[in-house]
Amino acid sequence: MRTLSLIIVGVVFSFPLQSQVISDYGVKVAMTVSDFDIVNKHPVNVGGQSLYLDYTTGSSLNPSIGLFARLPIIENVILETELLYLQKGARKTYVYKVTTIENPEGTGETINYTNQIGLHYLQFSANLLPKIKFENIDVYGIVGPTLGYLTQVTNFFIEESKKKDFAFGYSVGIGVNLREIISNSFLLEVKYCKDFSEFYSSGNGDYWNRVFILSLGTTL
């Protein structure tokens, strides 16, 4: 199933590249800032008390890389297909006191432990790019659906039967093309992506992905 899914994504992405009317294609490198949105939290019973888990929900910073192709469809509107490898997830740093028999309340020293959850995705998107020209810069919007496939999970102990390998979502953002300023076509983009459903649901809560992507692209 995994191999078939990757083949399907590859075929869909390669179709516009074979067209004779594409305007641009190239590479993007990016940094992502991601975290979890956890809803429907449920407490656990510890010693007769209802306690909520200390969820890992802080922002995680990770690199990303991908390919894109652009096809003009009407005046000032472009269709872009994009295939990205990106890592979503979250992180949190825990601070623990160092205690001894002589100093049960703490020695004054601490130990830091950072848990960084990684969700590795191949994400395909098909975005509409309505553009406006300001002097030598093309400014364009970004909006469209996304389809992600979860290839690997790190530092997150989950039940396989409760996770979702496929993630449907959307992306919105803004970009600029510096074609008229720089000899080559360089793109700067900021996008926000979120899934339409949780990627994992447990008895303690439902986990949703959300991520900001800052990209630098160039045509080939």
C-alpha atoms as a PDB file:
ATOM      1  CA  MET A   1       0.000   0.000   0.000  1.00  0.00           C
ATOM      2  CA  ARG A   2       2.820   2.384   0.877  1.00  0.00           C
ATOM      3  CA  THR A   3       4.635   1.798  -2.428  1.00  0.00           C
ATOM      4  CA  LEU A   4       1.417   2.202  -4.430  1.00  0.00           C
ATOM      5  CA  SER A   5       0.629   5.478  -2.664  1.00  0.00           C
ATOM      6  CA  LEU A   6       4.053   6.904  -3.478  1.00  0.00           C
ATOM      7  CA  ILE A   7       3.699   5.880  -7.131  1.00  0.00           C
ATOM      8  CA  ILE A   8       0.312   7.591  -7.377  1.00  0.00           C
ATOM      9  CA  VAL A   9       1.687  10.813  -5.902  1.00  0.00           C
ATOM     10  CA  GLY A  10       4.652  10.680  -8.276  1.00  0.00           C
ATOM     11  CA  VAL A  11       2.473  10.200 -11.336  1.00  0.00           C
ATOM     12  CA  VAL A  12       0.153  13.048 -10.362  1.00  0.00           C
ATOM     13  CA  PHE A  13       3.107  15.354  -9.784  1.00  0.00           C
ATOM     14  CA  SER A  14       4.904  14.423 -13.000  1.00  0.00           C
ATOM     15  CA  PHE A  15       1.905  15.073 -15.268  1.00  0.00           C
ATOM     16  CA  PRO A  16       2.279  18.866 -15.468  1.00  0.00           C
ATOM     17  CA  LEU A  17       6.016  18.482 -15.975  1.00  0.00           C
ATOM     18  CA  GLN A  18       5.318  16.642 -19.203  1.00  0.00           C
ATOM     19  CA  SER A  19       3.102  19.407 -20.508  1.00  0.00           C
ATOM     20  CA  GLN A  20       4.429  21.756 -23.179  1.00  0.00           C
ATOM     21  CA  VAL A  21       2.814  24.855 -21.591  1.00  0.00           C
ATOM     22  CA  ILE A  22       4.352  24.916 -18.110  1.00  0.00           C
ATOM     23  CA  SER A  23       5.843  28.296 -17.281  1.00  0.00           C
ATOM     24  CA  ASP A  24       8.292  27.348 -14.526  1.00  0.00           C
ATOM     25  CA  TYR A  25       9.589  24.383 -12.608  1.00  0.00           C
ATOM     26  CA  GLY A  26      12.248  24.184  -9.948  1.00  0.00           C
ATOM     27  CA  VAL A  27      13.308  23.477  -6.394  1.00  0.00           C
ATOM     28  CA  LYS A  28      12.295  24.884  -3.017  1.00  0.00           C
ATOM     29  CA  VAL A  29      14.141  24.719   0.288  1.00  0.00           C
ATOM     30  CA  ALA A  30      12.308  25.708   3.427  1.00  0.00           C
ATOM     31  CA  MET A  31      12.171  25.892   7.191  1.00  0.00           C
ATOM     32  CA  THR A  32       9.031  24.740   8.946  1.00  0.00           C
ATOM     33  CA  VAL A  33       7.625  25.759  12.321  1.00  0.00           C
ATOM     34  CA  SER A  34       5.115  23.190  13.509  1.00  0.00           C
ATOM     35  CA  ASP A  35       3.188  22.207  16.609  1.00  0.00           C
ATOM     36  CA  PHE A  36       0.183  20.188  17.738  1.00  0.00           C
ATOM     37  CA  ASP A  37      -3.331  21.359  18.374  1.00  0.00           C
ATOM     38  CA  ILE A  38      -4.768  18.846  20.866  1.00  0.00           C
ATOM     39  CA  VAL A  39      -8.539  18.780  21.335  1.00  0.00           C
ATOM     40  CA  ASN A  40     -10.955  16.595  23.311  1.00  0.00           C
ATOM     41  CA  LYS A  41      -8.441  16.176  26.117  1.00  0.00           C
ATOM     42  CA  HIS A  42      -9.390  13.583  28.696  1.00  0.00           C
ATOM     43  CA  PRO A  43      -7.849  13.223  32.165  1.00  0.00           C
ATOM     44  CA  VAL A  44      -6.237  10.047  33.447  1.00  0.00           C
ATOM     45  CA  ASN A  45      -6.880   8.583  36.877  1.00  0.00           C
ATOM     46  CA  VAL A  46      -3.817   8.572  39.134  1.00  0.00           C
ATOM     47  CA  GLY A  47      -4.306   7.498  42.727  1.00  0.00           C
ATOM     48  CA  GLY A  48      -7.964   8.404  42.631  1.00  0.00           C
ATOM     49  CA  GLN A  49      -7.263  11.849  41.163  1.00  0.00           C
ATOM     50  CA  SER A  50      -8.091  13.018  37.644  1.00  0.00           C
ATOM     51  CA  LEU A  51      -4.984  14.518  36.068  1.00  0.00           C
ATOM     52  CA  TYR A  52      -4.283  15.806  32.564  1.00  0.00           C
ATOM     53  CA  LEU A  53      -1.148  14.689  30.758  1.00  0.00           C
ATOM     54  CA  ASP A  54       1.747  17.087  30.259  1.00  0.00           C
ATOM     55  CA  TYR A  55       1.378  17.236  26.480  1.00  0.00           C
ATOM     56  CA  THR A  56       4.287  17.997  24.153  1.00  0.00           C
ATOM     57  CA  THR A  57       2.893  20.920  22.156  1.00  0.00           C
ATOM     58  CA  GLY A  58       5.738  23.441  21.759  1.00  0.00           C
ATOM     59  CA  SER A  59       6.965  24.634  18.369  1.00  0.00           C
ATOM     60  CA  SER A  60       9.475  22.538  16.437  1.00  0.00           C
ATOM     61  CA  LEU A  61      11.822  23.957  13.765  1.00  0.00           C
ATOM     62  CA  ASN A  62      12.843  21.682  10.865  1.00  0.00           C
ATOM     63  CA  PRO A  63      14.208  21.890   7.288  1.00  0.00           C
ATOM     64  CA  SER A  64      12.229  20.918   4.185  1.00  0.00           C
ATOM     65  CA  ILE A  65      12.913  20.426   0.486  1.00  0.00           C
ATOM     66  CA  GLY A  66      10.738  19.892  -2.562  1.00  0.00           C
ATOM     67  CA  LEU A  67       9.955  20.309  -6.264  1.00  0.00           C
ATOM     68  CA  PHE A  68       7.368  22.464  -8.002  1.00  0.00           C
ATOM     69  CA  ALA A  69       5.901  23.087 -11.458  1.00  0.00           C
ATOM     70  CA  ARG A  70       3.704  25.981 -12.608  1.00  0.00           C
ATOM     71  CA  LEU A  71       1.061  26.104 -15.300  1.00  0.00           C
ATOM     72  CA  PRO A  72      -0.773  29.308 -16.356  1.00  0.00           C
ATOM     73  CA  ILE A  73      -4.518  28.687 -16.534  1.00  0.00           C
ATOM     74  CA  ILE A  74      -6.015  32.174 -17.006  1.00  0.00           C
ATOM     75  CA  GLU A  75      -4.568  35.669 -17.037  1.00  0.00           C
ATOM     76  CA  ASN A  76      -2.769  36.430 -13.748  1.00  0.00           C
ATOM     77  CA  VAL A  77      -3.652  33.048 -12.224  1.00  0.00           C
ATOM     78  CA  ILE A  78      -1.227  30.106 -12.117  1.00  0.00           C
ATOM     79  CA  LEU A  79      -1.727  26.508 -11.029  1.00  0.00           C
ATOM     80  CA  GLU A  80       1.233  25.174  -9.043  1.00  0.00           C
ATOM     81  CA  THR A  81       1.824  21.540  -8.185  1.00  0.00           C
ATOM     82  CA  GLU A  82       4.316  20.906  -5.398  1.00  0.00           C
ATOM     83  CA  LEU A  83       5.832  17.855  -3.758  1.00  0.00           C
ATOM     84  CA  LEU A  84       7.568  18.448  -0.420  1.00  0.00           C
ATOM     85  CA  TYR A  85       9.403  16.342   2.092  1.00  0.00           C
ATOM     86  CA  LEU A  86       8.722  17.961   5.421  1.00  0.00           C
ATOM     87  CA  GLN A  87       8.812  17.133   9.096  1.00  0.00           C
ATOM     88  CA  LYS A  88       5.919  18.153  11.287  1.00  0.00           C
ATOM     89  CA  GLY A  89       5.695  17.635  15.030  1.00  0.00           C
ATOM     90  CA  ALA A  90       6.270  19.389  18.322  1.00  0.00           C
ATOM     91  CA  ARG A  91       8.867  19.708  21.077  1.00  0.00           C
ATOM     92  CA  LYS A  92       9.070  20.501  24.752  1.00  0.00           C
ATOM     93  CA  THR A  93      11.941  20.932  27.197  1.00  0.00           C
ATOM     94  CA  TYR A  94      11.484  19.519  30.680  1.00  0.00           C
ATOM     95  CA  VAL A  95      13.544  20.791  33.623  1.00  0.00           C
ATOM     96  CA  TYR A  96      14.207  18.356  36.468  1.00  0.00           C
ATOM     97  CA  LYS A  97      15.709  19.154  39.853  1.00  0.00           C
ATOM     98  CA  VAL A  98      18.767  17.194  40.965  1.00  0.00           C
ATOM     99  CA  THR A  99      18.089  15.665  44.381  1.00  0.00           C
ATOM    100  CA  THR A 100      20.162  13.597  46.764  1.00  0.00           C
ATOM    101  CA  ILE A 101      19.529  11.875  50.076  1.00  0.00           C
ATOM    102  CA  GLU A 102      21.095  14.876  51.807  1.00  0.00           C
ATOM    103  CA  ASN A 103      19.151  17.367  49.673  1.00  0.00           C
ATOM    104  CA  PRO A 104      15.743  15.843  48.948  1.00  0.00           C
ATOM    105  CA  GLU A 105      14.378  19.270  47.946  1.00  0.00           C
ATOM    106  CA  GLY A 106      17.119  19.774  45.409  1.00  0.00           C
ATOM    107  CA  THR A 107      20.805  20.651  45.194  1.00  0.00           C
ATOM    108  CA  GLY A 108      20.220  23.763  43.144  1.00  0.00           C
ATOM    109  CA  GLU A 109      21.259  21.968  39.967  1.00  0.00           C
ATOM    110  CA  THR A 110      18.895  21.019  37.165  1.00  0.00           C
ATOM    111  CA  ILE A 111      18.877  18.640  34.228  1.00  0.00           C
ATOM    112  CA  ASN A 112      17.154  19.587  30.972  1.00  0.00           C
ATOM    113  CA  TYR A 113      15.540  17.004  28.724  1.00  0.00           C
ATOM    114  CA  THR A 114      14.019  17.935  25.358  1.00  0.00           C
ATOM    115  CA  ASN A 115      11.482  15.681  23.697  1.00  0.00           C
ATOM    116  CA  GLN A 116      11.119  16.399  19.972  1.00  0.00           C
ATOM    117  CA  ILE A 117       8.374  14.500  18.189  1.00  0.00           C
ATOM    118  CA  GLY A 118       8.929  14.072  14.462  1.00  0.00           C
ATOM    119  CA  LEU A 119       6.281  13.234  11.873  1.00  0.00           C
ATOM    120  CA  HIS A 120       7.904  12.776   8.461  1.00  0.00           C
ATOM    121  CA  TYR A 121       5.616  13.480   5.512  1.00  0.00           C
ATOM    122  CA  LEU A 122       5.629  13.506   1.734  1.00  0.00           C
ATOM    123  CA  GLN A 123       3.143  16.267   0.957  1.00  0.00           C
ATOM    124  CA  PHE A 124       1.586  16.965  -2.421  1.00  0.00           C
ATOM    125  CA  SER A 125      -0.305  20.208  -3.031  1.00  0.00           C
ATOM    126  CA  ALA A 126      -2.108  21.854  -5.935  1.00  0.00           C
ATOM    127  CA  ASN A 127      -2.341  25.603  -5.348  1.00  0.00           C
ATOM    128  CA  LEU A 128      -3.897  28.480  -7.211  1.00  0.00           C
ATOM    129  CA  LEU A 129      -1.593  31.522  -7.367  1.00  0.00           C
ATOM    130  CA  PRO A 130      -3.451  34.743  -8.212  1.00  0.00           C
ATOM    131  CA  LYS A 131      -0.794  37.401  -8.826  1.00  0.00           C
ATOM    132  CA  ILE A 132      -0.475  41.171  -8.890  1.00  0.00           C
ATOM    133  CA  LYS A 133       2.537  43.003 -10.323  1.00  0.00           C
ATOM    134  CA  PHE A 134       4.107  45.816  -8.291  1.00  0.00           C
ATOM    135  CA  GLU A 135       6.833  47.481 -10.390  1.00  0.00           C
ATOM    136  CA  ASN A 136       9.556  44.791 -10.632  1.00  0.00           C
ATOM    137  CA  ILE A 137       8.034  42.298  -8.201  1.00  0.00           C
ATOM    138  CA  ASP A 138       5.234  39.783  -8.751  1.00  0.00           C
ATOM    139  CA  VAL A 139       3.190  39.294  -5.561  1.00  0.00           C
ATOM    140  CA  TYR A 140       0.878  36.283  -5.472  1.00  0.00           C
ATOM    141  CA  GLY A 141      -1.498  34.551  -3.123  1.00  0.00           C
ATOM    142  CA  ILE A 142      -1.374  30.833  -2.378  1.00  0.00           C
ATOM    143  CA  VAL A 143      -4.437  28.691  -1.707  1.00  0.00           C
ATOM    144  CA  GLY A 144      -5.191  25.044  -2.332  1.00  0.00           C
ATOM    145  CA  PRO A 145      -5.590  21.508  -0.997  1.00  0.00           C
ATOM    146  CA  THR A 146      -2.818  19.276   0.330  1.00  0.00           C
ATOM    147  CA  LEU A 147      -2.396  15.518   0.595  1.00  0.00           C
ATOM    148  CA  GLY A 148       0.266  14.185   2.940  1.00  0.00           C
ATOM    149  CA  TYR A 149       1.557  10.652   3.493  1.00  0.00           C
ATOM    150  CA  LEU A 150       3.136   9.845   6.859  1.00  0.00           C
ATOM    151  CA  THR A 151       6.338   7.881   6.235  1.00  0.00           C
ATOM    152  CA  GLN A 152       7.901   7.814   9.704  1.00  0.00           C
ATOM    153  CA  VAL A 153       7.217   8.736  13.347  1.00  0.00           C
ATOM    154  CA  THR A 154      10.028   9.469  15.822  1.00  0.00           C
ATOM    155  CA  ASN A 155       9.952   9.959  19.608  1.00  0.00           C
ATOM    156  CA  PHE A 156       6.211   9.461  19.838  1.00  0.00           C
ATOM    157  CA  PHE A 157       4.801   6.245  21.257  1.00  0.00           C
ATOM    158  CA  ILE A 158       1.468   5.658  19.564  1.00  0.00           C
ATOM    159  CA  GLU A 159      -0.826   2.791  18.720  1.00  0.00           C
ATOM    160  CA  GLU A 160      -0.437   2.012  15.033  1.00  0.00           C
ATOM    161  CA  SER A 161      -4.124   1.231  14.670  1.00  0.00           C
ATOM    162  CA  LYS A 162      -5.088   4.740  15.833  1.00  0.00           C
ATOM    163  CA  LYS A 163      -2.874   6.847  13.558  1.00  0.00           C
ATOM    164  CA  LYS A 164      -3.800   8.068  10.087  1.00  0.00           C
ATOM    165  CA  ASP A 165      -1.169   7.686   7.386  1.00  0.00           C
ATOM    166  CA  PHE A 166      -2.939   9.998   4.928  1.00  0.00           C
ATOM    167  CA  ALA A 167      -3.652  13.628   5.808  1.00  0.00           C
ATOM    168  CA  PHE A 168      -5.923  15.857   3.729  1.00  0.00           C
ATOM    169  CA  GLY A 169      -5.662  19.561   4.418  1.00  0.00           C
ATOM    170  CA  TYR A 170      -5.191  23.024   2.976  1.00  0.00           C
ATOM    171  CA  SER A 171      -2.527  25.675   2.562  1.00  0.00           C
ATOM    172  CA  VAL A 172      -2.838  29.455   2.401  1.00  0.00           C
ATOM    173  CA  GLY A 173      -0.107  32.018   2.057  1.00  0.00           C
ATOM    174  CA  ILE A 174       1.639  34.715   0.088  1.00  0.00           C
ATOM    175  CA  GLY A 175       4.730  34.830  -2.112  1.00  0.00           C
ATOM    176  CA  VAL A 176       6.879  37.125  -4.219  1.00  0.00           C
ATOM    177  CA  ASN A 177       8.775  36.447  -7.439  1.00  0.00           C
ATOM    178  CA  LEU A 178      11.979  38.483  -7.857  1.00  0.00           C
ATOM    179  CA  ARG A 179      12.363  37.617 -11.558  1.00  0.00           C
ATOM    180  CA  GLU A 180      12.750  41.247 -12.692  1.00  0.00           C
ATOM    181  CA  ILE A 181      15.285  42.129  -9.977  1.00  0.00           C
ATOM    182  CA  ILE A 182      17.501  39.034 -10.066  1.00  0.00           C
ATOM    183  CA  SER A 183      18.623  37.464 -13.348  1.00  0.00           C
ATOM    184  CA  ASN A 184      17.124  34.137 -12.338  1.00  0.00           C
ATOM    185  CA  SER A 185      13.627  33.578 -10.940  1.00  0.00           C
ATOM    186  CA  PHE A 186      13.781  33.480  -7.127  1.00  0.00           C
ATOM    187  CA  LEU A 187      10.685  32.927  -5.012  1.00  0.00           C
ATOM    188  CA  LEU A 188      10.026  33.817  -1.378  1.00  0.00           C
ATOM    189  CA  GLU A 189       6.930  32.306   0.232  1.00  0.00           C
ATOM    190  CA  VAL A 190       5.199  32.026   3.579  1.00  0.00           C
ATOM    191  CA  LYS A 191       2.452  29.418   3.950  1.00  0.00           C
ATOM    192  CA  TYR A 192       0.232  28.077   6.704  1.00  0.00           C
ATOM    193  CA  CYS A 193      -0.891  24.455   6.397  1.00  0.00           C
ATOM    194  CA  LYS A 194      -3.390  22.537   8.479  1.00  0.00           C
ATOM    195  CA  ASP A 195      -5.106  19.179   8.083  1.00  0.00           C
ATOM    196  CA  PHE A 196      -8.857  18.672   7.951  1.00  0.00           C
ATOM    197  CA  SER A 197      -8.706  15.924  10.580  1.00  0.00           C
ATOM    198  CA  GLU A 198      -6.512  14.675  13.404  1.00  0.00           C
ATOM    199  CA  PHE A 199      -3.573  12.404  12.572  1.00  0.00           C
ATOM    200  CA  TYR A 200      -3.889  10.481  15.845  1.00  0.00           C
ATOM    201  CA  SER A 201      -6.732   9.891  18.267  1.00  0.00           C
ATOM    202  CA  SER A 202      -6.207   8.314  21.677  1.00  0.00           C
ATOM    203  CA  GLY A 203      -8.105   8.082  24.920  1.00  0.00           C
ATOM    204  CA  ASN A 204      -6.271  11.204  26.112  1.00  0.00           C
ATOM    205  CA  GLY A 205      -6.991  13.513  23.174  1.00  0.00           C
ATOM    206  CA  ASP A 206      -7.051  14.088  19.435  1.00  0.00           C
ATOM    207  CA  TYR A 207      -3.812  15.343  17.831  1.00  0.00           C
ATOM    208  CA  TRP A 208      -3.929  17.769  14.895  1.00  0.00           C
ATOM    209  CA  ASN A 209      -0.976  19.024  12.846  1.00  0.00           C
ATOM    210  CA  ARG A 210      -0.400  22.641  11.929  1.00  0.00           C
ATOM    211  CA  VAL A 211       2.692  24.146  10.329  1.00  0.00           C
ATOM    212  CA  PHE A 212       4.116  27.391   8.951  1.00  0.00           C
ATOM    213  CA  ILE A 213       6.489  27.040   5.978  1.00  0.00           C
ATOM    214  CA  LEU A 214       9.030  29.705   4.956  1.00  0.00           C
ATOM    215  CA  SER A 215      10.361  28.801   1.502  1.00  0.00           C
ATOM    216  CA  LEU A 216      13.066  29.978  -0.898  1.00  0.00           C
ATOM    217  CA  GLY A 217      12.687  28.647  -4.421  1.00  0.00           C
ATOM    218  CA  THR A 218      14.417  28.930  -7.763  1.00  0.00           C
ATOM    219  CA  THR A 219      13.564  27.815 -11.275  1.00  0.00           C
ATOM    220  CA  LEU A 220      15.717  25.321 -13.158  1.00  0.00           C
END
